N, C-alpha and C. Protein backbone atom coordinates (compact mmCIF):
# COMPACT_ATOMS: atom_id res chain seq x y z
N MET A 1 -24.63 -34.69 25.70
CA MET A 1 -24.69 -33.24 25.81
C MET A 1 -23.28 -32.67 25.83
N ASN A 2 -23.01 -31.65 24.99
CA ASN A 2 -21.68 -31.06 24.91
C ASN A 2 -21.38 -30.26 26.17
N PRO A 3 -20.11 -30.24 26.58
CA PRO A 3 -19.74 -29.42 27.75
C PRO A 3 -19.90 -27.94 27.40
N PRO A 4 -20.11 -27.11 28.41
CA PRO A 4 -20.29 -25.67 28.13
C PRO A 4 -19.01 -25.03 27.61
N ILE A 5 -19.18 -23.93 26.91
CA ILE A 5 -18.04 -23.14 26.42
C ILE A 5 -17.43 -22.42 27.62
N ARG A 6 -16.16 -22.66 27.86
CA ARG A 6 -15.47 -22.05 28.99
C ARG A 6 -14.95 -20.68 28.56
N LEU A 7 -15.46 -19.63 29.21
CA LEU A 7 -15.22 -18.26 28.77
C LEU A 7 -14.38 -17.48 29.78
N LEU A 8 -13.34 -16.82 29.28
CA LEU A 8 -12.54 -15.90 30.09
C LEU A 8 -12.89 -14.47 29.66
N ILE A 9 -13.23 -13.62 30.62
CA ILE A 9 -13.58 -12.22 30.35
C ILE A 9 -12.42 -11.33 30.78
N VAL A 10 -12.03 -10.41 29.90
CA VAL A 10 -10.91 -9.50 30.19
C VAL A 10 -11.36 -8.06 29.97
N ASP A 11 -11.42 -7.29 31.05
CA ASP A 11 -11.76 -5.87 30.96
C ASP A 11 -11.38 -5.22 32.28
N ASP A 12 -10.86 -3.98 32.21
CA ASP A 12 -10.41 -3.34 33.45
C ASP A 12 -11.54 -2.70 34.24
N HIS A 13 -12.73 -2.59 33.64
CA HIS A 13 -13.87 -1.98 34.35
C HIS A 13 -14.79 -3.08 34.90
N VAL A 14 -15.00 -3.04 36.21
CA VAL A 14 -15.82 -4.07 36.84
C VAL A 14 -17.24 -4.07 36.30
N MET A 15 -17.79 -2.90 35.99
CA MET A 15 -19.15 -2.85 35.48
C MET A 15 -19.26 -3.48 34.10
N ILE A 16 -18.22 -3.35 33.30
CA ILE A 16 -18.22 -4.01 31.99
C ILE A 16 -18.16 -5.52 32.15
N ARG A 17 -17.32 -5.96 33.08
CA ARG A 17 -17.23 -7.41 33.32
C ARG A 17 -18.57 -7.96 33.81
N LEU A 18 -19.22 -7.20 34.69
CA LEU A 18 -20.54 -7.60 35.16
C LEU A 18 -21.54 -7.61 34.01
N GLY A 19 -21.41 -6.64 33.12
CA GLY A 19 -22.30 -6.59 31.96
C GLY A 19 -22.13 -7.79 31.05
N PHE A 20 -20.87 -8.17 30.78
CA PHE A 20 -20.62 -9.36 29.97
C PHE A 20 -21.19 -10.61 30.65
N ALA A 21 -20.99 -10.68 31.97
CA ALA A 21 -21.51 -11.83 32.71
C ALA A 21 -23.03 -11.90 32.60
N ALA A 22 -23.67 -10.74 32.68
CA ALA A 22 -25.14 -10.70 32.55
C ALA A 22 -25.59 -11.11 31.16
N LEU A 23 -24.78 -10.75 30.15
CA LEU A 23 -25.14 -11.08 28.77
C LEU A 23 -25.22 -12.59 28.54
N VAL A 24 -24.34 -13.31 29.21
CA VAL A 24 -24.29 -14.77 28.97
C VAL A 24 -24.96 -15.56 30.08
N ALA A 25 -25.56 -14.87 31.05
CA ALA A 25 -26.15 -15.56 32.20
C ALA A 25 -27.23 -16.54 31.79
N ASP A 26 -27.98 -16.21 30.73
CA ASP A 26 -29.06 -17.10 30.31
C ASP A 26 -28.63 -18.08 29.23
N GLN A 27 -27.33 -18.15 28.97
CA GLN A 27 -26.79 -19.09 27.99
C GLN A 27 -26.28 -20.32 28.73
N SER A 28 -27.06 -21.37 28.73
CA SER A 28 -26.70 -22.56 29.52
C SER A 28 -25.44 -23.24 29.01
N ASP A 29 -25.06 -22.94 27.78
CA ASP A 29 -23.88 -23.59 27.21
C ASP A 29 -22.63 -22.72 27.30
N ILE A 30 -22.69 -21.63 28.09
CA ILE A 30 -21.51 -20.78 28.30
C ILE A 30 -21.24 -20.68 29.79
N GLN A 31 -20.01 -20.97 30.19
CA GLN A 31 -19.62 -20.91 31.60
C GLN A 31 -18.42 -19.98 31.76
N ILE A 32 -18.57 -18.94 32.57
CA ILE A 32 -17.45 -18.03 32.84
C ILE A 32 -16.49 -18.70 33.82
N VAL A 33 -15.24 -18.84 33.39
CA VAL A 33 -14.25 -19.53 34.24
C VAL A 33 -13.26 -18.56 34.88
N GLY A 34 -13.27 -17.30 34.43
CA GLY A 34 -12.35 -16.34 35.01
C GLY A 34 -12.58 -14.94 34.50
N GLU A 35 -12.11 -13.95 35.28
CA GLU A 35 -12.19 -12.55 34.89
C GLU A 35 -10.84 -11.89 35.16
N ALA A 36 -10.29 -11.25 34.14
CA ALA A 36 -9.00 -10.57 34.27
C ALA A 36 -9.20 -9.07 34.12
N ARG A 37 -8.37 -8.29 34.84
CA ARG A 37 -8.52 -6.84 34.83
C ARG A 37 -7.53 -6.13 33.93
N ASN A 38 -6.50 -6.83 33.46
CA ASN A 38 -5.49 -6.21 32.61
C ASN A 38 -4.81 -7.26 31.75
N GLY A 39 -3.87 -6.82 30.93
CA GLY A 39 -3.23 -7.75 30.01
C GLY A 39 -2.41 -8.82 30.69
N GLU A 40 -1.62 -8.43 31.71
CA GLU A 40 -0.79 -9.42 32.40
C GLU A 40 -1.66 -10.49 33.07
N GLU A 41 -2.76 -10.06 33.69
CA GLU A 41 -3.66 -11.04 34.30
C GLU A 41 -4.27 -11.94 33.24
N ALA A 42 -4.63 -11.36 32.10
CA ALA A 42 -5.22 -12.15 31.02
C ALA A 42 -4.27 -13.23 30.54
N ILE A 43 -3.01 -12.86 30.36
CA ILE A 43 -2.00 -13.83 29.90
C ILE A 43 -1.83 -14.95 30.92
N GLU A 44 -1.70 -14.57 32.20
CA GLU A 44 -1.51 -15.56 33.25
C GLU A 44 -2.73 -16.47 33.39
N MET A 45 -3.93 -15.88 33.37
CA MET A 45 -5.14 -16.68 33.56
C MET A 45 -5.41 -17.56 32.36
N HIS A 46 -5.09 -17.09 31.17
CA HIS A 46 -5.28 -17.94 30.00
C HIS A 46 -4.35 -19.14 30.05
N GLU A 47 -3.12 -18.90 30.47
CA GLU A 47 -2.14 -19.99 30.59
C GLU A 47 -2.62 -21.03 31.60
N ARG A 48 -3.22 -20.56 32.69
CA ARG A 48 -3.63 -21.46 33.77
C ARG A 48 -4.97 -22.13 33.49
N LEU A 49 -5.92 -21.39 32.92
CA LEU A 49 -7.28 -21.91 32.76
C LEU A 49 -7.56 -22.54 31.40
N ARG A 50 -6.81 -22.11 30.38
CA ARG A 50 -7.02 -22.58 29.01
C ARG A 50 -8.51 -22.54 28.63
N PRO A 51 -9.09 -21.35 28.60
CA PRO A 51 -10.51 -21.23 28.24
C PRO A 51 -10.74 -21.59 26.78
N ASP A 52 -11.98 -21.92 26.46
CA ASP A 52 -12.33 -22.19 25.06
C ASP A 52 -12.36 -20.89 24.26
N VAL A 53 -12.84 -19.82 24.89
CA VAL A 53 -12.94 -18.51 24.24
C VAL A 53 -12.58 -17.44 25.25
N THR A 54 -11.87 -16.42 24.77
CA THR A 54 -11.56 -15.25 25.61
C THR A 54 -12.23 -14.03 25.00
N LEU A 55 -12.99 -13.32 25.82
CA LEU A 55 -13.68 -12.10 25.40
C LEU A 55 -12.90 -10.94 26.01
N MET A 56 -12.21 -10.15 25.17
CA MET A 56 -11.23 -9.21 25.69
C MET A 56 -11.43 -7.79 25.17
N ASP A 57 -11.31 -6.84 26.11
CA ASP A 57 -11.37 -5.43 25.75
C ASP A 57 -10.16 -5.06 24.91
N GLY A 58 -10.35 -4.12 23.99
CA GLY A 58 -9.26 -3.73 23.10
C GLY A 58 -8.24 -2.83 23.75
N MET A 59 -8.63 -2.07 24.79
CA MET A 59 -7.72 -1.14 25.45
C MET A 59 -7.65 -1.46 26.93
N LEU A 60 -6.55 -2.05 27.35
CA LEU A 60 -6.35 -2.41 28.75
C LEU A 60 -5.35 -1.44 29.38
N PRO A 61 -5.35 -1.30 30.70
CA PRO A 61 -4.51 -0.27 31.33
C PRO A 61 -3.01 -0.47 31.16
N ASP A 62 -2.57 -1.73 30.98
CA ASP A 62 -1.13 -1.97 30.89
C ASP A 62 -0.64 -2.25 29.48
N MET A 63 -1.53 -2.60 28.57
CA MET A 63 -1.12 -2.86 27.19
C MET A 63 -2.34 -2.93 26.28
N HIS A 64 -2.10 -2.81 24.98
CA HIS A 64 -3.20 -2.89 24.02
C HIS A 64 -3.64 -4.34 23.87
N GLY A 65 -4.92 -4.52 23.60
CA GLY A 65 -5.44 -5.86 23.42
C GLY A 65 -4.73 -6.64 22.33
N VAL A 66 -4.28 -5.95 21.27
CA VAL A 66 -3.57 -6.63 20.19
C VAL A 66 -2.28 -7.25 20.70
N GLU A 67 -1.58 -6.55 21.59
CA GLU A 67 -0.35 -7.10 22.17
C GLU A 67 -0.66 -8.32 23.03
N VAL A 68 -1.75 -8.25 23.77
CA VAL A 68 -2.15 -9.38 24.62
C VAL A 68 -2.44 -10.60 23.75
N ILE A 69 -3.14 -10.38 22.65
CA ILE A 69 -3.44 -11.48 21.73
C ILE A 69 -2.16 -12.16 21.28
N GLY A 70 -1.17 -11.36 20.87
CA GLY A 70 0.09 -11.92 20.40
C GLY A 70 0.80 -12.74 21.46
N ARG A 71 0.79 -12.23 22.69
CA ARG A 71 1.49 -12.93 23.77
C ARG A 71 0.77 -14.20 24.18
N ILE A 72 -0.57 -14.18 24.14
CA ILE A 72 -1.32 -15.40 24.45
C ILE A 72 -1.09 -16.45 23.36
N LEU A 73 -1.16 -16.03 22.11
CA LEU A 73 -0.98 -16.97 21.00
C LEU A 73 0.44 -17.55 20.96
N ALA A 74 1.41 -16.80 21.45
CA ALA A 74 2.78 -17.32 21.51
C ALA A 74 2.88 -18.51 22.45
N ARG A 75 1.97 -18.55 23.44
CA ARG A 75 1.94 -19.65 24.40
C ARG A 75 0.95 -20.74 24.02
N ASP A 76 -0.10 -20.33 23.31
CA ASP A 76 -1.16 -21.28 22.93
C ASP A 76 -1.66 -20.90 21.53
N ALA A 77 -1.12 -21.57 20.53
CA ALA A 77 -1.46 -21.23 19.14
C ALA A 77 -2.92 -21.48 18.81
N ASP A 78 -3.60 -22.26 19.63
CA ASP A 78 -5.01 -22.57 19.39
C ASP A 78 -5.97 -21.65 20.14
N ALA A 79 -5.44 -20.64 20.82
CA ALA A 79 -6.29 -19.74 21.60
C ALA A 79 -7.31 -19.05 20.69
N ARG A 80 -8.53 -18.95 21.20
CA ARG A 80 -9.61 -18.32 20.45
C ARG A 80 -10.05 -17.07 21.19
N ILE A 81 -9.73 -15.93 20.60
CA ILE A 81 -9.91 -14.65 21.27
C ILE A 81 -10.82 -13.74 20.44
N ILE A 82 -11.76 -13.12 21.12
CA ILE A 82 -12.64 -12.12 20.50
C ILE A 82 -12.28 -10.77 21.11
N LEU A 83 -11.95 -9.81 20.28
CA LEU A 83 -11.67 -8.47 20.77
C LEU A 83 -12.97 -7.66 20.77
N VAL A 84 -13.25 -7.03 21.89
CA VAL A 84 -14.44 -6.18 22.02
C VAL A 84 -13.94 -4.75 22.22
N SER A 85 -14.32 -3.84 21.34
CA SER A 85 -13.71 -2.52 21.37
C SER A 85 -14.70 -1.41 21.05
N ILE A 86 -14.39 -0.21 21.56
CA ILE A 86 -15.17 0.96 21.17
C ILE A 86 -14.73 1.47 19.80
N ASN A 87 -13.54 1.05 19.37
CA ASN A 87 -13.02 1.47 18.07
C ASN A 87 -13.53 0.55 16.97
N GLU A 88 -14.05 1.15 15.90
CA GLU A 88 -14.67 0.36 14.85
C GLU A 88 -14.08 0.65 13.48
N SER A 89 -12.90 1.28 13.44
CA SER A 89 -12.31 1.59 12.14
C SER A 89 -11.72 0.33 11.51
N ALA A 90 -11.55 0.40 10.20
CA ALA A 90 -10.98 -0.73 9.47
C ALA A 90 -9.57 -1.05 9.96
N GLU A 91 -8.79 -0.02 10.32
CA GLU A 91 -7.43 -0.26 10.80
C GLU A 91 -7.43 -1.03 12.11
N ASP A 92 -8.33 -0.67 13.02
CA ASP A 92 -8.41 -1.38 14.30
C ASP A 92 -8.79 -2.84 14.09
N ILE A 93 -9.77 -3.07 13.22
CA ILE A 93 -10.21 -4.44 12.94
C ILE A 93 -9.08 -5.23 12.31
N HIS A 94 -8.41 -4.61 11.33
CA HIS A 94 -7.31 -5.28 10.63
C HIS A 94 -6.20 -5.68 11.60
N ARG A 95 -5.81 -4.76 12.48
CA ARG A 95 -4.72 -5.05 13.42
C ARG A 95 -5.08 -6.21 14.32
N ALA A 96 -6.33 -6.23 14.78
CA ALA A 96 -6.76 -7.31 15.68
C ALA A 96 -6.77 -8.66 14.96
N MET A 97 -7.35 -8.69 13.77
CA MET A 97 -7.45 -9.96 13.04
C MET A 97 -6.07 -10.44 12.59
N GLU A 98 -5.22 -9.49 12.19
CA GLU A 98 -3.86 -9.85 11.78
C GLU A 98 -3.08 -10.42 12.96
N ALA A 99 -3.35 -9.91 14.16
CA ALA A 99 -2.66 -10.40 15.36
C ALA A 99 -3.11 -11.81 15.74
N GLY A 100 -4.28 -12.22 15.24
CA GLY A 100 -4.75 -13.56 15.52
C GLY A 100 -6.10 -13.66 16.20
N ALA A 101 -6.78 -12.52 16.38
CA ALA A 101 -8.13 -12.57 16.95
C ALA A 101 -9.03 -13.39 16.03
N ARG A 102 -9.92 -14.14 16.62
CA ARG A 102 -10.87 -14.94 15.83
C ARG A 102 -12.18 -14.18 15.59
N GLY A 103 -12.35 -13.08 16.33
CA GLY A 103 -13.57 -12.29 16.17
C GLY A 103 -13.33 -10.87 16.63
N TYR A 104 -14.17 -9.96 16.16
CA TYR A 104 -14.09 -8.55 16.55
C TYR A 104 -15.51 -8.04 16.69
N VAL A 105 -15.83 -7.55 17.88
CA VAL A 105 -17.19 -7.08 18.15
C VAL A 105 -17.11 -5.65 18.69
N ALA A 106 -17.87 -4.75 18.11
CA ALA A 106 -17.93 -3.38 18.61
C ALA A 106 -18.79 -3.33 19.87
N LYS A 107 -18.38 -2.51 20.83
CA LYS A 107 -19.15 -2.40 22.07
C LYS A 107 -20.53 -1.81 21.84
N SER A 108 -20.71 -1.18 20.70
CA SER A 108 -22.02 -0.61 20.39
C SER A 108 -23.02 -1.66 19.91
N GLN A 109 -22.53 -2.87 19.61
CA GLN A 109 -23.42 -3.91 19.12
C GLN A 109 -24.17 -4.57 20.27
N ASN A 110 -25.26 -5.24 19.94
CA ASN A 110 -26.15 -5.75 20.98
C ASN A 110 -25.74 -7.14 21.48
N LYS A 111 -26.50 -7.60 22.46
CA LYS A 111 -26.21 -8.87 23.12
C LYS A 111 -26.11 -10.02 22.13
N GLU A 112 -27.01 -10.04 21.16
CA GLU A 112 -27.05 -11.16 20.22
C GLU A 112 -25.74 -11.29 19.45
N TRP A 113 -25.13 -10.14 19.10
CA TRP A 113 -23.87 -10.20 18.36
C TRP A 113 -22.78 -10.82 19.22
N ILE A 114 -22.73 -10.45 20.50
CA ILE A 114 -21.67 -10.96 21.37
C ILE A 114 -21.84 -12.46 21.61
N THR A 115 -23.05 -12.89 21.91
CA THR A 115 -23.26 -14.33 22.14
C THR A 115 -23.06 -15.12 20.84
N SER A 116 -23.46 -14.53 19.72
CA SER A 116 -23.23 -15.21 18.43
C SER A 116 -21.74 -15.34 18.16
N ALA A 117 -20.98 -14.29 18.50
CA ALA A 117 -19.54 -14.34 18.31
C ALA A 117 -18.90 -15.43 19.16
N ILE A 118 -19.33 -15.54 20.42
CA ILE A 118 -18.78 -16.56 21.31
C ILE A 118 -19.05 -17.95 20.75
N HIS A 119 -20.28 -18.20 20.33
CA HIS A 119 -20.61 -19.52 19.79
C HIS A 119 -19.85 -19.81 18.50
N ALA A 120 -19.76 -18.82 17.63
CA ALA A 120 -19.07 -19.03 16.35
C ALA A 120 -17.60 -19.34 16.57
N VAL A 121 -16.95 -18.54 17.39
CA VAL A 121 -15.52 -18.72 17.64
C VAL A 121 -15.26 -20.04 18.36
N ALA A 122 -16.13 -20.40 19.29
CA ALA A 122 -15.98 -21.69 19.98
C ALA A 122 -16.07 -22.85 19.00
N ASN A 123 -16.82 -22.65 17.93
CA ASN A 123 -16.97 -23.71 16.91
C ASN A 123 -15.87 -23.67 15.85
N GLY A 124 -14.87 -22.83 16.07
CA GLY A 124 -13.75 -22.78 15.15
C GLY A 124 -13.91 -21.80 14.00
N GLU A 125 -14.96 -20.98 14.04
CA GLU A 125 -15.19 -20.01 12.97
C GLU A 125 -14.61 -18.65 13.36
N CYS A 126 -14.48 -17.78 12.37
CA CYS A 126 -14.17 -16.38 12.63
C CYS A 126 -15.47 -15.59 12.63
N PHE A 127 -15.50 -14.49 13.38
CA PHE A 127 -16.75 -13.74 13.47
C PHE A 127 -16.51 -12.25 13.29
N LEU A 128 -17.22 -11.68 12.32
CA LEU A 128 -17.31 -10.24 12.11
C LEU A 128 -18.73 -9.93 11.68
N SER A 129 -19.29 -8.85 12.20
CA SER A 129 -20.61 -8.45 11.72
C SER A 129 -20.47 -8.03 10.25
N PRO A 130 -21.56 -8.06 9.49
CA PRO A 130 -21.48 -7.65 8.09
C PRO A 130 -20.89 -6.27 7.89
N GLU A 131 -21.21 -5.34 8.78
CA GLU A 131 -20.69 -3.97 8.66
C GLU A 131 -19.19 -3.92 8.90
N LEU A 132 -18.71 -4.62 9.93
CA LEU A 132 -17.28 -4.62 10.21
C LEU A 132 -16.52 -5.37 9.12
N ALA A 133 -17.12 -6.42 8.59
CA ALA A 133 -16.49 -7.15 7.48
C ALA A 133 -16.37 -6.25 6.25
N ARG A 134 -17.41 -5.42 6.04
CA ARG A 134 -17.36 -4.49 4.91
C ARG A 134 -16.23 -3.48 5.09
N ARG A 135 -16.09 -2.97 6.31
CA ARG A 135 -15.03 -2.00 6.56
C ARG A 135 -13.65 -2.63 6.34
N LEU A 136 -13.52 -3.89 6.73
CA LEU A 136 -12.25 -4.57 6.54
C LEU A 136 -11.93 -4.76 5.06
N SER A 137 -12.96 -5.07 4.28
CA SER A 137 -12.72 -5.24 2.85
C SER A 137 -12.40 -3.91 2.18
N VAL A 138 -13.02 -2.84 2.65
CA VAL A 138 -12.72 -1.51 2.11
C VAL A 138 -11.28 -1.14 2.41
N ARG A 139 -10.81 -1.52 3.60
CA ARG A 139 -9.44 -1.21 3.99
C ARG A 139 -8.42 -1.79 3.03
N ALA A 140 -8.77 -2.93 2.44
CA ALA A 140 -7.84 -3.57 1.51
C ALA A 140 -7.47 -2.65 0.36
N ALA A 141 -8.35 -1.69 0.08
CA ALA A 141 -8.06 -0.75 -1.01
C ALA A 141 -6.82 0.07 -0.73
N THR A 142 -6.51 0.31 0.54
CA THR A 142 -5.34 1.14 0.86
C THR A 142 -4.04 0.44 0.49
N LYS A 143 -4.07 -0.87 0.34
CA LYS A 143 -2.85 -1.57 -0.04
C LYS A 143 -2.31 -1.07 -1.36
N SER A 144 -3.21 -0.57 -2.21
CA SER A 144 -2.78 -0.10 -3.52
C SER A 144 -2.37 1.37 -3.49
N LEU A 145 -2.52 2.03 -2.34
CA LEU A 145 -2.13 3.43 -2.23
C LEU A 145 -0.67 3.55 -1.81
N SER A 146 0.05 4.44 -2.45
CA SER A 146 1.42 4.73 -2.03
C SER A 146 1.37 5.59 -0.77
N GLN A 147 2.51 5.70 -0.08
CA GLN A 147 2.55 6.54 1.10
C GLN A 147 2.23 7.98 0.76
N ARG A 148 2.71 8.46 -0.40
CA ARG A 148 2.42 9.83 -0.81
C ARG A 148 0.93 10.02 -1.05
N GLU A 149 0.28 9.03 -1.65
CA GLU A 149 -1.17 9.13 -1.88
C GLU A 149 -1.93 9.13 -0.57
N ILE A 150 -1.46 8.37 0.40
CA ILE A 150 -2.10 8.38 1.72
C ILE A 150 -1.93 9.75 2.37
N ASP A 151 -0.74 10.37 2.21
CA ASP A 151 -0.51 11.71 2.74
C ASP A 151 -1.49 12.71 2.12
N VAL A 152 -1.65 12.63 0.81
CA VAL A 152 -2.57 13.53 0.11
C VAL A 152 -4.00 13.30 0.60
N LEU A 153 -4.38 12.04 0.74
CA LEU A 153 -5.73 11.71 1.18
C LEU A 153 -6.02 12.28 2.56
N ARG A 154 -5.07 12.17 3.47
CA ARG A 154 -5.27 12.71 4.82
C ARG A 154 -5.46 14.22 4.79
N LEU A 155 -4.68 14.89 3.96
CA LEU A 155 -4.79 16.35 3.89
C LEU A 155 -6.11 16.77 3.26
N ILE A 156 -6.58 16.03 2.26
CA ILE A 156 -7.90 16.30 1.69
C ILE A 156 -8.97 16.15 2.77
N ALA A 157 -8.86 15.09 3.56
CA ALA A 157 -9.85 14.84 4.61
C ALA A 157 -9.81 15.92 5.68
N ASN A 158 -8.65 16.57 5.84
CA ASN A 158 -8.53 17.66 6.80
C ASN A 158 -8.95 19.00 6.22
N GLY A 159 -9.46 18.99 4.98
CA GLY A 159 -10.04 20.18 4.40
C GLY A 159 -9.10 21.07 3.61
N LEU A 160 -7.87 20.61 3.35
CA LEU A 160 -6.93 21.43 2.61
C LEU A 160 -7.26 21.43 1.12
N LEU A 161 -7.03 22.56 0.48
CA LEU A 161 -7.20 22.69 -0.97
C LEU A 161 -5.93 22.23 -1.67
N ASN A 162 -6.03 22.06 -3.00
CA ASN A 162 -4.88 21.56 -3.75
C ASN A 162 -3.63 22.41 -3.54
N LYS A 163 -3.80 23.73 -3.55
CA LYS A 163 -2.66 24.62 -3.38
C LYS A 163 -2.01 24.44 -2.01
N GLN A 164 -2.85 24.25 -0.99
CA GLN A 164 -2.34 24.06 0.36
C GLN A 164 -1.65 22.71 0.50
N ILE A 165 -2.22 21.69 -0.13
CA ILE A 165 -1.61 20.36 -0.11
C ILE A 165 -0.24 20.40 -0.78
N ALA A 166 -0.17 21.10 -1.92
CA ALA A 166 1.09 21.22 -2.65
C ALA A 166 2.16 21.87 -1.77
N ALA A 167 1.78 22.94 -1.05
CA ALA A 167 2.73 23.62 -0.18
C ALA A 167 3.14 22.72 0.98
N GLU A 168 2.18 22.00 1.55
CA GLU A 168 2.45 21.14 2.70
C GLU A 168 3.41 20.01 2.34
N LEU A 169 3.27 19.46 1.14
CA LEU A 169 4.07 18.30 0.73
C LEU A 169 5.20 18.65 -0.23
N ALA A 170 5.36 19.93 -0.48
CA ALA A 170 6.41 20.40 -1.39
C ALA A 170 6.26 19.78 -2.78
N LEU A 171 5.04 19.84 -3.30
CA LEU A 171 4.74 19.31 -4.62
C LEU A 171 4.14 20.43 -5.48
N SER A 172 4.09 20.20 -6.78
CA SER A 172 3.37 21.14 -7.65
C SER A 172 1.88 20.83 -7.58
N GLU A 173 1.06 21.82 -7.92
CA GLU A 173 -0.38 21.59 -7.92
C GLU A 173 -0.77 20.52 -8.92
N ASN A 174 -0.08 20.48 -10.06
CA ASN A 174 -0.39 19.46 -11.07
C ASN A 174 -0.11 18.05 -10.53
N THR A 175 0.97 17.94 -9.76
CA THR A 175 1.30 16.64 -9.17
C THR A 175 0.23 16.24 -8.16
N VAL A 176 -0.24 17.20 -7.38
CA VAL A 176 -1.31 16.93 -6.41
C VAL A 176 -2.56 16.46 -7.14
N LYS A 177 -2.91 17.15 -8.22
CA LYS A 177 -4.08 16.76 -9.01
C LYS A 177 -3.95 15.35 -9.55
N THR A 178 -2.74 15.00 -9.98
CA THR A 178 -2.50 13.64 -10.49
C THR A 178 -2.69 12.62 -9.38
N HIS A 179 -2.15 12.91 -8.20
CA HIS A 179 -2.32 12.00 -7.06
C HIS A 179 -3.80 11.82 -6.73
N ILE A 180 -4.54 12.94 -6.72
CA ILE A 180 -5.96 12.88 -6.37
C ILE A 180 -6.73 12.03 -7.39
N ALA A 181 -6.42 12.19 -8.65
CA ALA A 181 -7.09 11.40 -9.69
C ALA A 181 -6.81 9.92 -9.50
N ARG A 182 -5.57 9.59 -9.15
CA ARG A 182 -5.21 8.18 -8.94
C ARG A 182 -5.90 7.61 -7.70
N ILE A 183 -5.94 8.42 -6.64
CA ILE A 183 -6.59 7.97 -5.40
C ILE A 183 -8.07 7.72 -5.66
N MET A 184 -8.74 8.63 -6.36
CA MET A 184 -10.16 8.46 -6.66
C MET A 184 -10.39 7.19 -7.46
N GLY A 185 -9.50 6.92 -8.40
CA GLY A 185 -9.64 5.71 -9.19
C GLY A 185 -9.47 4.45 -8.36
N LYS A 186 -8.48 4.46 -7.49
CA LYS A 186 -8.20 3.27 -6.68
C LYS A 186 -9.30 3.01 -5.65
N LEU A 187 -9.84 4.10 -5.08
CA LEU A 187 -10.86 3.96 -4.04
C LEU A 187 -12.28 4.02 -4.60
N GLU A 188 -12.38 4.19 -5.90
CA GLU A 188 -13.67 4.16 -6.60
C GLU A 188 -14.63 5.21 -6.05
N VAL A 189 -14.13 6.44 -5.92
CA VAL A 189 -14.97 7.57 -5.56
C VAL A 189 -14.78 8.66 -6.61
N HIS A 190 -15.66 9.67 -6.57
CA HIS A 190 -15.67 10.63 -7.67
C HIS A 190 -15.60 12.09 -7.22
N ASP A 191 -15.49 12.35 -5.91
CA ASP A 191 -15.39 13.73 -5.46
C ASP A 191 -14.64 13.78 -4.13
N ARG A 192 -14.26 14.98 -3.74
CA ARG A 192 -13.44 15.17 -2.54
C ARG A 192 -14.19 14.79 -1.26
N THR A 193 -15.49 15.07 -1.24
CA THR A 193 -16.28 14.70 -0.05
C THR A 193 -16.25 13.20 0.16
N SER A 194 -16.42 12.45 -0.92
CA SER A 194 -16.38 10.98 -0.83
C SER A 194 -15.00 10.50 -0.41
N LEU A 195 -13.96 11.19 -0.89
CA LEU A 195 -12.60 10.84 -0.48
C LEU A 195 -12.43 11.03 1.03
N ALA A 196 -12.91 12.16 1.54
CA ALA A 196 -12.80 12.43 2.97
C ALA A 196 -13.54 11.38 3.79
N MET A 197 -14.72 11.01 3.34
CA MET A 197 -15.50 10.00 4.04
C MET A 197 -14.79 8.65 4.00
N LYS A 198 -14.18 8.33 2.86
CA LYS A 198 -13.46 7.06 2.74
C LYS A 198 -12.27 7.05 3.69
N ALA A 199 -11.58 8.19 3.81
CA ALA A 199 -10.44 8.27 4.73
C ALA A 199 -10.90 8.00 6.16
N MET A 200 -12.07 8.50 6.53
CA MET A 200 -12.60 8.25 7.87
C MET A 200 -12.95 6.78 8.04
N THR A 201 -13.58 6.20 7.01
CA THR A 201 -13.94 4.78 7.07
C THR A 201 -12.71 3.90 7.24
N LEU A 202 -11.64 4.29 6.58
CA LEU A 202 -10.41 3.51 6.63
C LEU A 202 -9.60 3.75 7.90
N GLY A 203 -10.04 4.70 8.72
CA GLY A 203 -9.34 4.97 9.96
C GLY A 203 -8.06 5.75 9.78
N LEU A 204 -7.92 6.46 8.67
CA LEU A 204 -6.67 7.17 8.39
C LEU A 204 -6.56 8.49 9.14
N LEU A 205 -7.63 8.92 9.81
CA LEU A 205 -7.59 10.20 10.51
C LEU A 205 -7.35 10.00 12.01
N ARG A 206 -7.24 8.77 12.45
CA ARG A 206 -7.05 8.50 13.87
C ARG A 206 -5.56 8.48 14.21
């Protein structure tokens, strides 16, 4: 029989920690070995306990979860960390995975997603729900956008017309139209409403 997955829980709210504990209470193969309330505690407890998986809130009182991930991985390159966050934008997911998280779970997702994430990450896999994986793949489209195109996209999403965008960015209206045509082509959309929605999906308005 395999030993249980040793789990470290990191969240500054006691009720959330209790909730996570309740989620895994009926999982005989998961054992909670520690609970941390902030980033510094998480780093210290991970160093001392060396859990198999760390389930960590994305926003801690002393530092962002992404920073905690980096500092833990600097001490233990094999650390397996799942970020649990209220933020579900492609940018948030990208930052977490780029920092070295092995999984990303939205707090709006149900118990099955969290326990599935723990098991998957413990087995050496990465975990993203299909929806979050889709958002991450959509985000890749921004790599082909120039900074000026991103500026134009944000202003479109904020409801500005071409003339207003031109004035805001000190461009001609024709240049704005050219940027918009290129952005639509790169993001594979065909109207301003779709562009605005894509900007929201990509997390460019946060």
